[in-house]
Amino acid sequence: MLTSVAEPPATQAELAYWCLQRPAPGMQVRSVPEPGMNTLAVDGTAGCLTITWPYAPPHLGIGSTEEVLGTFSGELADRHPPTGPTTDTAGVDHPGREGVRLLAWGDPYLTAWLEAVRGELSAASHPTQEEQTHPGCPSPGLVQAHAVPGR
């Protein structure tokens, strides 16, 4: 008996556009050049992004000032997979690379982002209104999402 897989509620491009318009509380999203490149992608929904999220849920293991390199583009993520440390034939050690994270349905980071936007994260995972207006915490009005210019 075959079981059918439900279609996702949006295409990857629709998901990217929606998310870039709605960052989680405290989240900053910036377009950056793809690793090894010097120019930004024409379309921010298909380009490389650097994301900082001081209120990321602890289960993600991401520090409050840590930048996550991500994309909604499978092709871009495939070009920059994470790698572990290696030693070449000459015995020289090479560090691993983080790679570019694919933000797609089922990804824990994206799931937490969507939950934060919907207000479903636990109180311990994101700031209260009082914390958001505290001088040491970023204001929700300062959160920026950079997508395609002019959109």
C-alpha atoms as a PDB file:
ATOM      1  CA  MET A   1       0.000   0.000   0.000  1.00  0.00           C
ATOM      2  CA  LEU A   2       1.413   3.377  -0.998  1.00  0.00           C
ATOM      3  CA  THR A   3       1.060   6.335   1.285  1.00  0.00           C
ATOM      4  CA  SER A   4       0.914   9.733  -0.261  1.00  0.00           C
ATOM      5  CA  VAL A   5       3.138  12.505   0.961  1.00  0.00           C
ATOM      6  CA  ALA A   6       1.284  15.734   1.575  1.00  0.00           C
ATOM      7  CA  GLU A   7       2.359  18.661  -0.510  1.00  0.00           C
ATOM      8  CA  PRO A   8       4.085  21.396   1.491  1.00  0.00           C
ATOM      9  CA  PRO A   9       1.871  24.418   2.195  1.00  0.00           C
ATOM     10  CA  ALA A  10       4.065  26.629  -0.028  1.00  0.00           C
ATOM     11  CA  THR A  11       6.803  26.286  -2.621  1.00  0.00           C
ATOM     12  CA  GLN A  12      10.386  26.896  -1.550  1.00  0.00           C
ATOM     13  CA  ALA A  13      10.334  30.299  -3.313  1.00  0.00           C
ATOM     14  CA  GLU A  14       7.068  31.277  -1.582  1.00  0.00           C
ATOM     15  CA  LEU A  15       8.481  30.151   1.762  1.00  0.00           C
ATOM     16  CA  ALA A  16      11.630  32.226   1.199  1.00  0.00           C
ATOM     17  CA  TYR A  17       9.712  35.368   0.305  1.00  0.00           C
ATOM     18  CA  TRP A  18       7.317  34.960   3.250  1.00  0.00           C
ATOM     19  CA  CYS A  19      10.121  34.354   5.771  1.00  0.00           C
ATOM     20  CA  LEU A  20      12.247  37.268   4.571  1.00  0.00           C
ATOM     21  CA  GLN A  21       9.266  39.538   5.156  1.00  0.00           C
ATOM     22  CA  ARG A  22       8.754  38.153   8.708  1.00  0.00           C
ATOM     23  CA  PRO A  23      11.930  37.665  10.743  1.00  0.00           C
ATOM     24  CA  ALA A  24      11.552  36.175  14.226  1.00  0.00           C
ATOM     25  CA  PRO A  25      11.756  38.570  17.213  1.00  0.00           C
ATOM     26  CA  GLY A  26      15.304  39.919  17.456  1.00  0.00           C
ATOM     27  CA  MET A  27      16.401  38.202  14.234  1.00  0.00           C
ATOM     28  CA  GLN A  28      18.520  40.049  11.695  1.00  0.00           C
ATOM     29  CA  VAL A  29      18.795  38.684   8.161  1.00  0.00           C
ATOM     30  CA  ARG A  30      21.264  40.102   5.646  1.00  0.00           C
ATOM     31  CA  SER A  31      22.110  39.110   2.090  1.00  0.00           C
ATOM     32  CA  VAL A  32      25.784  38.269   1.694  1.00  0.00           C
ATOM     33  CA  PRO A  33      27.875  37.000  -1.205  1.00  0.00           C
ATOM     34  CA  GLU A  34      27.974  33.248  -1.670  1.00  0.00           C
ATOM     35  CA  PRO A  35      31.222  31.801  -0.229  1.00  0.00           C
ATOM     36  CA  GLY A  36      34.048  32.380  -2.684  1.00  0.00           C
ATOM     37  CA  MET A  37      32.111  35.091  -4.565  1.00  0.00           C
ATOM     38  CA  ASN A  38      32.207  38.875  -4.389  1.00  0.00           C
ATOM     39  CA  THR A  39      28.688  39.782  -5.519  1.00  0.00           C
ATOM     40  CA  LEU A  40      25.225  39.408  -4.035  1.00  0.00           C
ATOM     41  CA  ALA A  41      22.585  37.283  -5.727  1.00  0.00           C
ATOM     42  CA  VAL A  42      20.107  39.318  -7.762  1.00  0.00           C
ATOM     43  CA  ASP A  43      17.226  37.685  -5.881  1.00  0.00           C
ATOM     44  CA  GLY A  44      17.588  37.631  -2.089  1.00  0.00           C
ATOM     45  CA  THR A  45      15.185  34.690  -1.842  1.00  0.00           C
ATOM     46  CA  ALA A  46      17.672  32.539  -3.798  1.00  0.00           C
ATOM     47  CA  GLY A  47      20.895  34.007  -2.409  1.00  0.00           C
ATOM     48  CA  CYS A  48      23.118  33.477   0.580  1.00  0.00           C
ATOM     49  CA  LEU A  49      21.970  34.947   3.908  1.00  0.00           C
ATOM     50  CA  THR A  50      23.658  35.566   7.220  1.00  0.00           C
ATOM     51  CA  ILE A  51      21.260  35.319  10.139  1.00  0.00           C
ATOM     52  CA  THR A  52      21.773  36.349  13.735  1.00  0.00           C
ATOM     53  CA  TRP A  53      19.083  35.505  16.261  1.00  0.00           C
ATOM     54  CA  PRO A  54      19.884  36.337  19.878  1.00  0.00           C
ATOM     55  CA  TYR A  55      16.697  34.592  21.042  1.00  0.00           C
ATOM     56  CA  ALA A  56      17.162  31.360  19.090  1.00  0.00           C
ATOM     57  CA  PRO A  57      15.796  28.428  21.112  1.00  0.00           C
ATOM     58  CA  PRO A  58      18.502  26.696  23.164  1.00  0.00           C
ATOM     59  CA  HIS A  59      17.852  23.293  21.522  1.00  0.00           C
ATOM     60  CA  LEU A  60      19.344  24.689  18.290  1.00  0.00           C
ATOM     61  CA  GLY A  61      22.739  25.113  19.998  1.00  0.00           C
ATOM     62  CA  ILE A  62      23.279  28.533  18.414  1.00  0.00           C
ATOM     63  CA  GLY A  63      24.877  31.295  20.478  1.00  0.00           C
ATOM     64  CA  SER A  64      23.203  34.680  20.841  1.00  0.00           C
ATOM     65  CA  THR A  65      25.821  36.394  18.638  1.00  0.00           C
ATOM     66  CA  GLU A  66      26.542  33.471  16.312  1.00  0.00           C
ATOM     67  CA  GLU A  67      25.877  33.999  12.605  1.00  0.00           C
ATOM     68  CA  VAL A  68      24.210  31.211  10.660  1.00  0.00           C
ATOM     69  CA  LEU A  69      24.922  31.086   6.937  1.00  0.00           C
ATOM     70  CA  GLY A  70      21.759  29.938   5.192  1.00  0.00           C
ATOM     71  CA  THR A  71      19.780  29.933   1.993  1.00  0.00           C
ATOM     72  CA  PHE A  72      16.397  28.935   0.632  1.00  0.00           C
ATOM     73  CA  SER A  73      18.135  27.703  -2.548  1.00  0.00           C
ATOM     74  CA  GLY A  74      18.880  23.996  -2.745  1.00  0.00           C
ATOM     75  CA  GLU A  75      21.376  24.584  -5.537  1.00  0.00           C
ATOM     76  CA  LEU A  76      23.365  27.095  -3.475  1.00  0.00           C
ATOM     77  CA  ALA A  77      23.366  24.815  -0.407  1.00  0.00           C
ATOM     78  CA  ASP A  78      24.525  21.883  -2.554  1.00  0.00           C
ATOM     79  CA  ARG A  79      27.523  23.938  -3.744  1.00  0.00           C
ATOM     80  CA  HIS A  80      28.596  24.605  -0.132  1.00  0.00           C
ATOM     81  CA  PRO A  81      27.990  21.517   2.026  1.00  0.00           C
ATOM     82  CA  PRO A  82      29.414  21.339   5.519  1.00  0.00           C
ATOM     83  CA  THR A  83      32.669  19.399   5.789  1.00  0.00           C
ATOM     84  CA  GLY A  84      34.536  17.862   8.677  1.00  0.00           C
ATOM     85  CA  PRO A  85      38.215  18.411   9.383  1.00  0.00           C
ATOM     86  CA  THR A  86      40.551  16.459   7.098  1.00  0.00           C
ATOM     87  CA  THR A  87      44.222  15.622   6.767  1.00  0.00           C
ATOM     88  CA  ASP A  88      45.696  15.606   3.272  1.00  0.00           C
ATOM     89  CA  THR A  89      48.235  13.090   1.949  1.00  0.00           C
ATOM     90  CA  ALA A  90      51.105  15.354   3.068  1.00  0.00           C
ATOM     91  CA  GLY A  91      49.818  15.189   6.660  1.00  0.00           C
ATOM     92  CA  VAL A  92      48.545  18.772   6.695  1.00  0.00           C
ATOM     93  CA  ASP A  93      45.375  19.270   8.737  1.00  0.00           C
ATOM     94  CA  HIS A  94      42.536  21.287   7.191  1.00  0.00           C
ATOM     95  CA  PRO A  95      39.681  22.600   9.335  1.00  0.00           C
ATOM     96  CA  GLY A  96      36.082  21.746   8.544  1.00  0.00           C
ATOM     97  CA  ARG A  97      33.644  24.225   7.010  1.00  0.00           C
ATOM     98  CA  GLU A  98      30.226  25.140   8.304  1.00  0.00           C
ATOM     99  CA  GLY A  99      28.693  25.190   4.841  1.00  0.00           C
ATOM    100  CA  VAL A 100      25.480  26.960   3.849  1.00  0.00           C
ATOM    101  CA  ARG A 101      22.386  25.674   5.658  1.00  0.00           C
ATOM    102  CA  LEU A 102      19.337  24.917   3.508  1.00  0.00           C
ATOM    103  CA  LEU A 103      16.278  26.536   5.086  1.00  0.00           C
ATOM    104  CA  ALA A 104      13.581  24.138   3.935  1.00  0.00           C
ATOM    105  CA  TRP A 105      10.542  22.362   5.400  1.00  0.00           C
ATOM    106  CA  GLY A 106      11.665  20.165   8.296  1.00  0.00           C
ATOM    107  CA  ASP A 107      14.858  22.100   9.077  1.00  0.00           C
ATOM    108  CA  PRO A 108      14.948  22.736  12.866  1.00  0.00           C
ATOM    109  CA  TYR A 109      16.159  26.333  12.438  1.00  0.00           C
ATOM    110  CA  LEU A 110      13.372  27.162   9.983  1.00  0.00           C
ATOM    111  CA  THR A 111      10.803  25.379  12.166  1.00  0.00           C
ATOM    112  CA  ALA A 112      11.840  27.484  15.182  1.00  0.00           C
ATOM    113  CA  TRP A 113      11.697  30.635  13.009  1.00  0.00           C
ATOM    114  CA  LEU A 114       8.136  29.850  11.920  1.00  0.00           C
ATOM    115  CA  GLU A 115       7.104  28.992  15.484  1.00  0.00           C
ATOM    116  CA  ALA A 116       8.547  32.296  16.746  1.00  0.00           C
ATOM    117  CA  VAL A 117       6.658  34.272  14.108  1.00  0.00           C
ATOM    118  CA  ARG A 118       3.445  32.446  15.040  1.00  0.00           C
ATOM    119  CA  GLY A 119       4.151  33.051  18.741  1.00  0.00           C
ATOM    120  CA  GLU A 120       4.414  29.340  19.515  1.00  0.00           C
ATOM    121  CA  LEU A 121       7.855  29.266  21.149  1.00  0.00           C
ATOM    122  CA  SER A 122       7.917  28.870  24.905  1.00  0.00           C
ATOM    123  CA  ALA A 123       8.424  31.990  26.999  1.00  0.00           C
ATOM    124  CA  ALA A 124      11.925  30.778  27.891  1.00  0.00           C
ATOM    125  CA  SER A 125      12.919  30.765  24.214  1.00  0.00           C
ATOM    126  CA  HIS A 126      12.104  34.312  23.248  1.00  0.00           C
ATOM    127  CA  PRO A 127      11.953  37.727  24.904  1.00  0.00           C
ATOM    128  CA  THR A 128       8.909  39.047  26.687  1.00  0.00           C
ATOM    129  CA  GLN A 129       7.553  42.443  25.661  1.00  0.00           C
ATOM    130  CA  GLU A 130       9.346  43.892  28.701  1.00  0.00           C
ATOM    131  CA  GLU A 131      12.658  42.343  27.618  1.00  0.00           C
ATOM    132  CA  GLN A 132      12.185  43.585  24.064  1.00  0.00           C
ATOM    133  CA  THR A 133      11.907  47.171  25.272  1.00  0.00           C
ATOM    134  CA  HIS A 134      14.771  46.862  27.775  1.00  0.00           C
ATOM    135  CA  PRO A 135      17.764  49.053  26.795  1.00  0.00           C
ATOM    136  CA  GLY A 136      20.041  46.015  26.411  1.00  0.00           C
ATOM    137  CA  CYS A 137      17.709  44.082  24.113  1.00  0.00           C
ATOM    138  CA  PRO A 138      17.063  44.801  20.448  1.00  0.00           C
ATOM    139  CA  SER A 139      13.840  46.557  19.635  1.00  0.00           C
ATOM    140  CA  PRO A 140      11.429  44.684  17.357  1.00  0.00           C
ATOM    141  CA  GLY A 141      11.467  47.817  15.178  1.00  0.00           C
ATOM    142  CA  LEU A 142      15.196  47.357  14.521  1.00  0.00           C
ATOM    143  CA  VAL A 143      14.825  43.905  13.022  1.00  0.00           C
ATOM    144  CA  GLN A 144      15.697  43.973   9.350  1.00  0.00           C
ATOM    145  CA  ALA A 145      15.107  41.456   6.577  1.00  0.00           C
ATOM    146  CA  HIS A 146      16.828  42.129   3.293  1.00  0.00           C
ATOM    147  CA  ALA A 147      15.199  40.518   0.301  1.00  0.00           C
ATOM    148  CA  VAL A 148      15.171  41.692  -3.253  1.00  0.00           C
ATOM    149  CA  PRO A 149      15.559  45.472  -3.412  1.00  0.00           C
ATOM    150  CA  GLY A 150      12.265  47.108  -4.330  1.00  0.00           C
ATOM    151  CA  ARG A 151      10.058  44.264  -3.076  1.00  0.00           C
END
